[in-house]
Structures are given as structure tokens and as C-alpha cells.
């Protein structure tokens, strides 16, 4: 038994020593000289091709190249600024020719411009707005008259302690005045208002409620300084708009609440509302000054729209029906009344 195992082992060693191993035909030894050898695979052509195989020429033929039919938008980095630029012009005209019922030809125009630069990111919210209005009316048989005149600038800087709450600590400032002289028609000699006569400046600190969609904004300020400017000498000497006779500025400290809200109540009908409520702590606490605007914008297309709006003002410092004696002394300073303005127009609106 041991002899058989020894013979088998000796035979295996003898055969392995004299045998030659042939290399695969798919490989050949590279001609590179060195201590190591590199073996590369030869290009082998397939004899049979599958059905899905597609043999293409890697070279591009220019006359077969087609331009892109769809241009892809370039990457734009995220901006935390929201910009608004609007220009509007509403025109209304009435013309009569041999009209039996009678009437005067007239043309009215109202130009407006609205700008906004609002920044919002995490804890910080900064809103800046500028609004301008100016309207004129030309009627046959009388001179040009002003129908609307307004300058409104405002800025609000708000900060919140975390990104969950919608309540902010806010600092707010806004100013209101007009472009040109105002008259009590048909008197065109004595202006009853001018640029910065009156002019109103509100500066205060408080808190704001600003939801994520930015369509609603509520501002409450327990400490707001209201400055009334009458920079015209004649109006200042008359003590107009609440200032003392001869003074140019009148200061008040009071409580201010403002609210703005914009929403689409139905398809292509946008409602915007702005409300300011202010009361003075010292002179007449509880007597509230009201400034309320309500507008409906009916959009026809990107450039044509219709506007329906109202504006209500009540200011205890603005008096009406003043009684003056023949010698110029004031018998009665008059009373404060509700001021109401209504607007209806169709015109052009351009936004970018």
C-alpha cells in the first residue's frame, strides 16, 4: 500500500516538471522591457450581434446637428428681496355734440406709481413702500382742477426671536404729504394746503404680526411720535391743522395701530385694505384719528384693469366751517368732519 502511494507521487512530480503550459490565444505578452510583464487583451470582433446592439460612428457630422428647440433657464440664486414696481393711468372722458339733455365736455386723468422693496429671511423682515398719486380734471368752461394728490413713504424694520413665531419687534416710520397747492374751488387765489403743509411723520416702536404669506400685516405701537408740519407761513399763522399760530411743527405722543391686507376674493379680483388708527395720550386720549383706504382691482389682462376704491379720513385737528368776523377775528374754529373720497376708473397698469 505504501509502495503504491509512493509511485503515484513520483509520477505526478515527474510529469509536472516536463510538461509545458500553453498561454491563452486571447492574450499576448507586451513588448515592454522591465522586471514585470503587461498583458493586454486583443480587440476581438463579435461574430454574432444581438438585436439591441447599435453601432454608431463617434465622429459628429455637422450637417446632421440640430439646434435646441427648448432653451433651459439659467440658474438664478435665491433672492430674499421682493420687488414691486407699478405704474398706472386711469382716464375718463365725456363728450357731447348737439346733446339735447345738455352737459359739459370733460376729461379726467389719474396717474399712480407704487414701489416696494421688501426683505425677509429667518429673523429679519424689512418692508419699504412708496406710493404716489396725482389726478387732474379738465371741464369745458372752467380751469384745470386737482382731483387727487398724495405722497406716502413708509419703512418698517422687524426682528423676531425664532423662526416659528409670527410676532416681531418692530420700528416703523412713515410720512405723508402732497405735491401741489390745494384750493377750495372756485377760489383759486388762497391755497388751503401746500407741500408739507400739512405733512405728517409717524415714528414709533411696537410689535407686528406678519404671517408667512405676507398678505396680512398688523402693527401695534404703544409709543408713537406724531409730527405735524405746516411749513407754509400763511397757513402757519392761521394755526391750520392743529399747530399753534406761528409754529411750524406740532408734536404728539400716542398709540398707533395699522393694518394692511391683500387677498384675491375671486378670480382676477384683488382687494387691498389699509387702516391707520391713532390717538394722542396728552390732548385728547380716546379721540381716534382714522385713515382708511379700501380698493378693489379688477384685472382684465396684464395691462388693462379697473379700480373701485374709497378713502375715509377723520382728523380732529382738521376743522371745517370756520366762522370769521368782518374784522378778521375767528368767532368759531369750526368742527372736525369725516372726509370721504370715492374712485372709479378704468385704465392701464404696467408692472415689472
Protein backbone atom coordinates (compact mmCIF):
# COMPACT_ATOMS: atom_id res chain seq x y z
CA UNK A 1 0.00 0.00 0.00
CA UNK A 2 2.78 2.40 0.90
CA UNK A 3 4.62 1.45 -2.30
CA UNK A 4 1.66 2.33 -4.49
CA UNK A 5 1.28 5.80 -2.93
CA UNK A 6 4.98 6.50 -3.41
CA UNK A 7 4.84 5.55 -7.10
CA UNK A 8 1.83 7.77 -7.73
CA UNK A 9 3.53 10.79 -6.08
CA UNK A 10 6.77 10.26 -8.03
CA UNK A 11 4.86 10.05 -11.29
CA UNK A 12 2.99 13.33 -10.66
CA UNK A 13 6.22 15.23 -9.89
CA UNK A 14 7.94 13.86 -13.00
CA UNK A 15 5.11 14.80 -15.32
CA UNK A 16 4.75 18.32 -13.95
CA UNK A 17 8.45 19.05 -14.38
CA UNK A 18 8.47 18.06 -18.08
CA UNK A 19 5.05 19.48 -19.06
CA UNK A 20 4.68 22.85 -20.94
CA UNK A 21 1.79 25.29 -20.18
CA UNK A 22 0.43 26.97 -23.31
CA UNK A 23 -0.90 30.58 -22.94
CA UNK A 24 -4.38 31.55 -24.00
CA UNK A 25 -4.60 32.81 -27.55
CA UNK A 26 -6.63 35.80 -26.38
CA UNK A 27 -3.55 37.19 -24.58
CA UNK A 28 -0.09 38.08 -25.79
CA UNK A 29 2.98 39.26 -23.95
CA UNK A 30 3.63 43.00 -24.33
CA UNK A 31 6.95 44.07 -25.77
CA UNK A 32 7.68 46.36 -22.80
CA UNK A 33 11.02 45.58 -21.22
CA UNK A 34 11.29 45.53 -17.47
CA UNK A 35 11.04 43.41 -14.44
CA UNK A 36 7.31 42.95 -14.87
CA UNK A 37 5.13 41.99 -17.79
CA UNK A 38 1.94 43.65 -19.00
CA UNK A 39 -0.66 41.53 -20.76
CA UNK A 40 -3.33 43.22 -22.86
CA UNK A 41 -6.47 41.87 -24.43
CA UNK A 42 -6.62 41.84 -28.21
CA UNK A 43 -9.52 43.51 -30.00
CA UNK A 44 -11.90 40.69 -30.70
CA UNK A 45 -14.66 41.22 -33.25
CA UNK A 46 -18.01 39.76 -32.42
CA UNK A 47 -19.21 37.25 -34.92
CA UNK A 48 -22.83 37.48 -33.88
CA UNK A 49 -24.55 40.78 -32.83
CA UNK A 50 -27.56 41.00 -30.58
CA UNK A 51 -30.73 42.70 -31.81
CA UNK A 52 -30.40 45.72 -29.49
CA UNK A 53 -26.79 46.45 -30.44
CA UNK A 54 -26.34 49.79 -32.22
CA UNK A 55 -23.04 50.53 -33.87
CA UNK A 56 -22.54 54.32 -34.24
CA UNK A 57 -19.73 56.39 -35.57
CA UNK A 58 -18.26 58.52 -32.75
CA UNK A 59 -17.43 61.28 -35.23
CA UNK A 60 -20.10 64.02 -35.44
CA UNK A 61 -21.29 65.18 -38.83
CA UNK A 62 -22.05 68.93 -38.64
CA UNK A 63 -24.80 68.93 -41.25
CA UNK A 64 -26.80 66.49 -39.10
CA UNK A 65 -26.64 68.63 -35.92
CA UNK A 66 -29.89 70.46 -34.98
CA UNK A 67 -30.14 73.41 -32.60
CA UNK A 68 -32.01 73.07 -29.31
CA UNK A 69 -35.73 73.76 -29.66
CA UNK A 70 -36.12 74.43 -25.91
CA UNK A 71 -33.84 76.84 -24.07
CA UNK A 72 -33.39 75.94 -20.45
CA UNK A 73 -33.47 78.70 -17.85
CA UNK A 74 -30.17 79.54 -16.32
CA UNK A 75 -29.64 79.00 -12.64
CA UNK A 76 -30.61 82.01 -10.55
CA UNK A 77 -29.55 82.27 -6.92
CA UNK A 78 -32.34 82.65 -4.36
CA UNK A 79 -33.13 86.28 -3.53
CA UNK A 80 -34.74 87.28 -0.26
CA UNK A 81 -35.87 90.61 -1.72
CA UNK A 82 -39.39 91.02 -3.07
CA UNK A 83 -39.71 93.92 -5.51
CA UNK A 84 -42.86 95.68 -6.75
CA UNK A 85 -42.93 98.34 -9.49
CA UNK A 86 -46.33 99.52 -10.75
CA UNK A 87 -47.33 102.41 -12.98
CA UNK A 88 -50.98 103.16 -13.62
CA UNK A 89 -53.01 105.66 -15.61
CA UNK A 90 -56.80 105.93 -15.43
CA UNK A 91 -58.57 108.19 -17.93
CA UNK A 92 -62.26 109.04 -18.19
CA UNK A 93 -63.81 111.29 -20.85
CA UNK A 94 -67.26 112.67 -21.62
CA UNK A 95 -68.05 114.47 -24.89
CA UNK A 96 -71.33 115.94 -26.15
CA UNK A 97 -72.35 117.04 -29.64
CA UNK A 98 -75.85 118.53 -30.08
CA UNK A 99 -76.93 116.70 -26.93
CA UNK A 100 -80.49 117.67 -26.06
CA UNK A 101 -80.16 116.81 -22.35
CA UNK A 102 -77.19 119.15 -22.04
CA UNK A 103 -73.82 118.67 -20.40
CA UNK A 104 -70.21 119.85 -20.47
CA UNK A 105 -67.29 118.06 -22.09
CA UNK A 106 -64.74 116.85 -19.55
CA UNK A 107 -61.60 114.78 -19.27
CA UNK A 108 -60.16 113.30 -16.05
CA UNK A 109 -56.84 111.55 -15.56
CA UNK A 110 -55.29 109.89 -12.53
CA UNK A 111 -51.65 108.76 -12.55
CA UNK A 112 -50.23 106.46 -9.89
CA UNK A 113 -46.92 104.80 -9.08
CA UNK A 114 -46.28 102.15 -6.42
CA UNK A 115 -42.88 100.81 -5.40
CA UNK A 116 -41.93 98.24 -2.76
CA UNK A 117 -38.65 96.70 -1.63
CA UNK A 118 -39.26 94.02 1.00
CA UNK A 119 -36.62 91.77 2.55
CA UNK A 120 -37.44 88.68 4.58
CA UNK A 121 -35.06 85.97 5.80
CA UNK A 122 -35.28 83.98 9.01
CA UNK A 123 -35.33 86.51 11.86
CA UNK A 124 -35.33 89.77 9.88
CA UNK A 125 -38.15 91.47 7.97
CA UNK A 126 -37.68 94.89 6.35
CA UNK A 127 -40.53 96.48 4.35
CA UNK A 128 -40.17 99.69 2.31
CA UNK A 129 -43.03 101.26 0.33
CA UNK A 130 -43.52 104.39 -1.74
CA UNK A 131 -46.89 105.47 -3.18
CA UNK A 132 -47.62 108.46 -5.40
CA UNK A 133 -50.98 109.72 -6.73
CA UNK A 134 -51.91 112.75 -8.80
CA UNK A 135 -55.17 113.45 -10.61
CA UNK A 136 -56.50 116.30 -12.75
CA UNK A 137 -59.87 117.21 -14.24
CA UNK A 138 -60.47 119.47 -17.23
CA UNK A 139 -64.05 120.56 -17.83
CA UNK A 140 -65.42 122.84 -20.54
CA UNK A 141 -65.97 126.36 -19.26
CA UNK A 142 -63.67 126.20 -16.21
CA UNK A 143 -59.97 125.94 -15.41
CA UNK A 144 -57.99 122.82 -14.61
CA UNK A 145 -58.70 121.33 -11.17
CA UNK A 146 -56.91 118.83 -8.99
CA UNK A 147 -58.78 115.66 -8.05
CA UNK A 148 -56.13 113.66 -6.17
CA UNK A 149 -52.73 114.38 -4.64
CA UNK A 150 -50.77 112.08 -2.36
CA UNK A 151 -47.22 111.18 -1.34
CA UNK A 152 -46.78 108.29 1.09
CA UNK A 153 -43.42 106.82 2.19
CA UNK A 154 -43.04 104.15 4.84
CA UNK A 155 -40.43 101.76 6.23
CA UNK A 156 -40.73 99.05 8.87
CA UNK A 157 -37.83 97.08 10.35
CA UNK A 158 -38.88 93.94 12.25
CA UNK A 159 -36.99 91.24 14.18
CA UNK A 160 -38.21 88.01 15.78
CA UNK A 161 -36.54 85.74 18.30
CA UNK A 162 -37.06 82.46 16.38
CA UNK A 163 -38.34 81.17 13.04
CA UNK A 164 -41.54 79.67 14.44
CA UNK A 165 -43.37 82.72 15.77
CA UNK A 166 -45.10 85.28 13.53
CA UNK A 167 -44.73 88.11 16.07
CA UNK A 168 -41.91 90.59 15.51
CA UNK A 169 -40.38 93.50 17.43
CA UNK A 170 -40.77 96.43 15.04
CA UNK A 171 -39.65 100.00 14.42
CA UNK A 172 -41.85 101.92 11.98
CA UNK A 173 -41.68 105.32 10.27
CA UNK A 174 -43.92 106.82 7.62
CA UNK A 175 -44.51 110.25 6.12
CA UNK A 176 -47.49 111.66 4.21
CA UNK A 177 -47.89 114.89 2.28
CA UNK A 178 -48.90 116.20 -1.18
CA UNK A 179 -47.29 117.55 -4.37
CA UNK A 180 -49.02 120.85 -5.11
CA UNK A 181 -51.36 123.51 -3.69
CA UNK A 182 -54.92 122.64 -2.79
CA UNK A 183 -57.82 125.07 -3.17
CA UNK A 184 -61.44 125.32 -2.13
CA UNK A 185 -62.85 125.74 -5.61
CA UNK A 186 -63.87 128.02 -7.27
CA UNK A 187 -61.43 130.12 -5.19
CA UNK A 188 -58.01 129.69 -6.81
CA UNK A 189 -56.21 132.52 -5.04
CA UNK A 190 -55.99 131.29 -1.46
CA UNK A 191 -54.47 127.82 -1.03
CA UNK A 192 -55.81 125.74 1.85
CA UNK A 193 -52.88 123.25 1.68
CA UNK A 194 -49.40 123.04 0.17
CA UNK A 195 -46.42 120.69 0.01
CA UNK A 196 -45.57 119.76 3.64
CA UNK A 197 -48.49 121.89 4.81
CA UNK A 198 -49.67 119.62 6.16
CA UNK A 199 -47.04 116.91 6.37
CA UNK A 200 -47.34 114.03 8.82
CA UNK A 201 -44.45 112.00 10.21
CA UNK A 202 -45.03 108.94 12.42
CA UNK A 203 -42.11 107.27 14.22
CA UNK A 204 -42.66 104.55 16.80
CA UNK A 205 -41.77 101.16 18.25
CA UNK A 206 -44.06 98.22 18.83
CA UNK A 207 -44.87 94.72 17.66
CA UNK A 208 -46.01 93.29 14.33
CA UNK A 209 -47.90 90.17 13.35
CA UNK A 210 -46.68 89.00 9.91
CA UNK A 211 -47.86 85.60 8.61
CA UNK A 212 -45.61 83.68 6.19
CA UNK A 213 -47.61 84.65 3.08
CA UNK A 214 -47.07 88.40 3.70
CA UNK A 215 -50.66 89.24 2.69
CA UNK A 216 -51.61 90.38 6.19
CA UNK A 217 -49.72 92.77 8.44
CA UNK A 218 -50.80 94.07 11.84
CA UNK A 219 -48.68 96.65 13.66
CA UNK A 220 -49.36 97.79 17.25
CA UNK A 221 -47.31 100.59 18.76
CA UNK A 222 -47.93 101.91 22.29
CA UNK A 223 -45.33 104.65 21.77
CA UNK A 224 -45.55 106.61 18.51
CA UNK A 225 -44.49 110.20 17.97
CA UNK A 226 -46.72 112.07 15.51
CA UNK A 227 -45.25 115.23 14.00
CA UNK A 228 -47.50 117.62 12.07
CA UNK A 229 -45.61 120.01 9.79
CA UNK A 230 -47.06 123.25 8.40
CA UNK A 231 -44.14 124.81 6.53
CA UNK A 232 -46.23 127.47 4.77
CA UNK A 233 -46.07 130.82 6.57
CA UNK A 234 -49.67 131.91 5.86
CA UNK A 235 -51.17 128.60 6.96
CA UNK A 236 -48.88 128.51 9.99
CA UNK A 237 -50.01 131.99 11.06
CA UNK A 238 -53.63 130.82 10.78
CA UNK A 239 -52.95 127.90 13.13
CA UNK A 240 -54.07 125.40 10.49
CA UNK A 241 -54.01 121.63 11.01
CA UNK A 242 -53.68 121.87 14.79
CA UNK A 243 -50.43 123.86 15.13
CA UNK A 244 -50.20 126.93 17.31
CA UNK A 245 -50.35 130.23 15.45
CA UNK A 246 -46.90 130.99 14.07
CA UNK A 247 -45.49 127.50 14.77
CA UNK A 248 -44.34 125.17 12.03
CA UNK A 249 -44.35 121.84 13.90
CA UNK A 250 -46.76 120.22 16.33
CA UNK A 251 -45.72 117.08 18.26
CA UNK A 252 -47.93 114.40 19.79
CA UNK A 253 -47.23 111.12 21.59
CA UNK A 254 -49.84 108.43 21.28
CA UNK A 255 -50.98 104.91 20.43
CA UNK A 256 -50.92 103.71 16.81
CA UNK A 257 -52.47 100.66 15.14
CA UNK A 258 -52.00 99.94 11.43
CA UNK A 259 -53.26 97.05 9.35
CA UNK A 260 -52.76 96.09 5.70
CA UNK A 261 -54.35 93.15 3.95
CA UNK A 262 -54.33 91.96 0.34
CA UNK A 263 -56.32 88.98 -0.91
CA UNK A 264 -57.88 87.67 -4.10
CA UNK A 265 -61.58 87.42 -3.24
CA UNK A 266 -62.41 85.84 -6.59
CA UNK A 267 -60.75 85.18 -9.93
CA UNK A 268 -58.94 88.36 -11.14
CA UNK A 269 -60.47 90.49 -8.37
CA UNK A 270 -57.90 91.70 -5.82
CA UNK A 271 -58.90 93.53 -2.63
CA UNK A 272 -56.40 95.72 -0.76
CA UNK A 273 -57.08 97.49 2.51
CA UNK A 274 -55.02 99.88 4.65
CA UNK A 275 -56.15 101.18 8.05
CA UNK A 276 -54.41 103.60 10.44
CA UNK A 277 -55.81 104.38 13.89
CA UNK A 278 -54.09 106.91 16.16
CA UNK A 279 -54.96 108.54 19.48
CA UNK A 280 -52.96 111.08 21.48
CA UNK A 281 -52.14 110.43 25.17
CA UNK A 282 -52.00 114.08 26.32
CA UNK A 283 -54.53 116.29 24.50
CA UNK A 284 -57.41 114.01 23.59
CA UNK A 285 -56.89 110.39 24.59
CA UNK A 286 -59.71 108.25 23.16
CA UNK A 287 -60.35 110.62 20.25
CA UNK A 288 -59.18 108.43 17.37
CA UNK A 289 -57.83 109.73 14.07
CA UNK A 290 -58.86 107.41 11.23
CA UNK A 291 -57.22 106.91 7.83
CA UNK A 292 -58.80 104.03 5.90
CA UNK A 293 -58.38 103.01 2.26
CA UNK A 294 -60.27 100.16 0.60
CA UNK A 295 -59.63 99.30 -3.06
CA UNK A 296 -60.78 96.62 -5.48
CA UNK A 297 -58.66 95.91 -8.54
CA UNK A 298 -60.50 94.11 -11.37
CA UNK A 299 -57.90 92.67 -13.74
CA UNK A 300 -58.89 92.36 -17.40
CA UNK A 301 -55.46 91.34 -18.71
CA UNK A 302 -51.79 92.06 -17.98
CA UNK A 303 -52.14 95.73 -18.93
CA UNK A 304 -55.83 96.68 -18.58
CA UNK A 305 -57.69 96.88 -15.29
CA UNK A 306 -60.50 98.65 -13.45
CA UNK A 307 -60.32 100.22 -9.99
CA UNK A 308 -63.02 100.82 -7.41
CA UNK A 309 -61.90 102.46 -4.20
CA UNK A 310 -62.85 104.55 -1.20
CA UNK A 311 -60.80 106.66 1.21
CA UNK A 312 -62.08 107.86 4.60
CA UNK A 313 -60.21 110.32 6.84
CA UNK A 314 -61.19 111.73 10.22
CA UNK A 315 -58.69 114.01 11.95
CA UNK A 316 -59.73 116.10 14.93
CA UNK A 317 -57.05 118.68 14.07
CA UNK A 318 -58.61 119.47 10.66
CA UNK A 319 -61.58 121.82 11.10
CA UNK A 320 -64.37 122.79 8.74
CA UNK A 321 -66.99 125.60 8.70
CA UNK A 322 -64.76 128.16 10.37
CA UNK A 323 -66.57 131.42 11.28
CA UNK A 324 -64.62 134.64 10.84
CA UNK A 325 -65.85 138.12 11.77
CA UNK A 326 -65.57 141.13 9.46
CA UNK A 327 -62.53 142.42 11.32
CA UNK A 328 -60.75 139.06 10.80
CA UNK A 329 -61.18 137.62 14.26
CA UNK A 330 -62.19 133.97 14.48
CA UNK A 331 -65.61 133.54 16.06
CA UNK A 332 -65.66 129.73 15.80
CA UNK A 333 -62.71 127.50 14.79
CA UNK A 334 -65.13 125.02 13.19
CA UNK A 335 -65.64 121.33 13.75
CA UNK A 336 -63.94 118.15 12.56
CA UNK A 337 -65.81 116.20 9.91
CA UNK A 338 -65.48 112.89 8.13
CA UNK A 339 -63.66 113.24 4.81
CA UNK A 340 -64.76 110.82 2.12
CA UNK A 341 -63.39 110.15 -1.36
CA UNK A 342 -64.65 107.61 -3.91
CA UNK A 343 -62.78 106.43 -7.02
CA UNK A 344 -63.95 104.54 -10.08
CA UNK A 345 -61.77 104.24 -13.15
CA UNK A 346 -60.56 102.05 -15.99
CA UNK A 347 -57.04 102.36 -17.29
CA UNK A 348 -53.63 100.91 -17.93
CA UNK A 349 -51.36 99.21 -15.41
CA UNK A 350 -47.75 98.24 -16.08
CA UNK A 351 -45.78 96.13 -13.62
CA UNK A 352 -42.20 94.89 -13.69
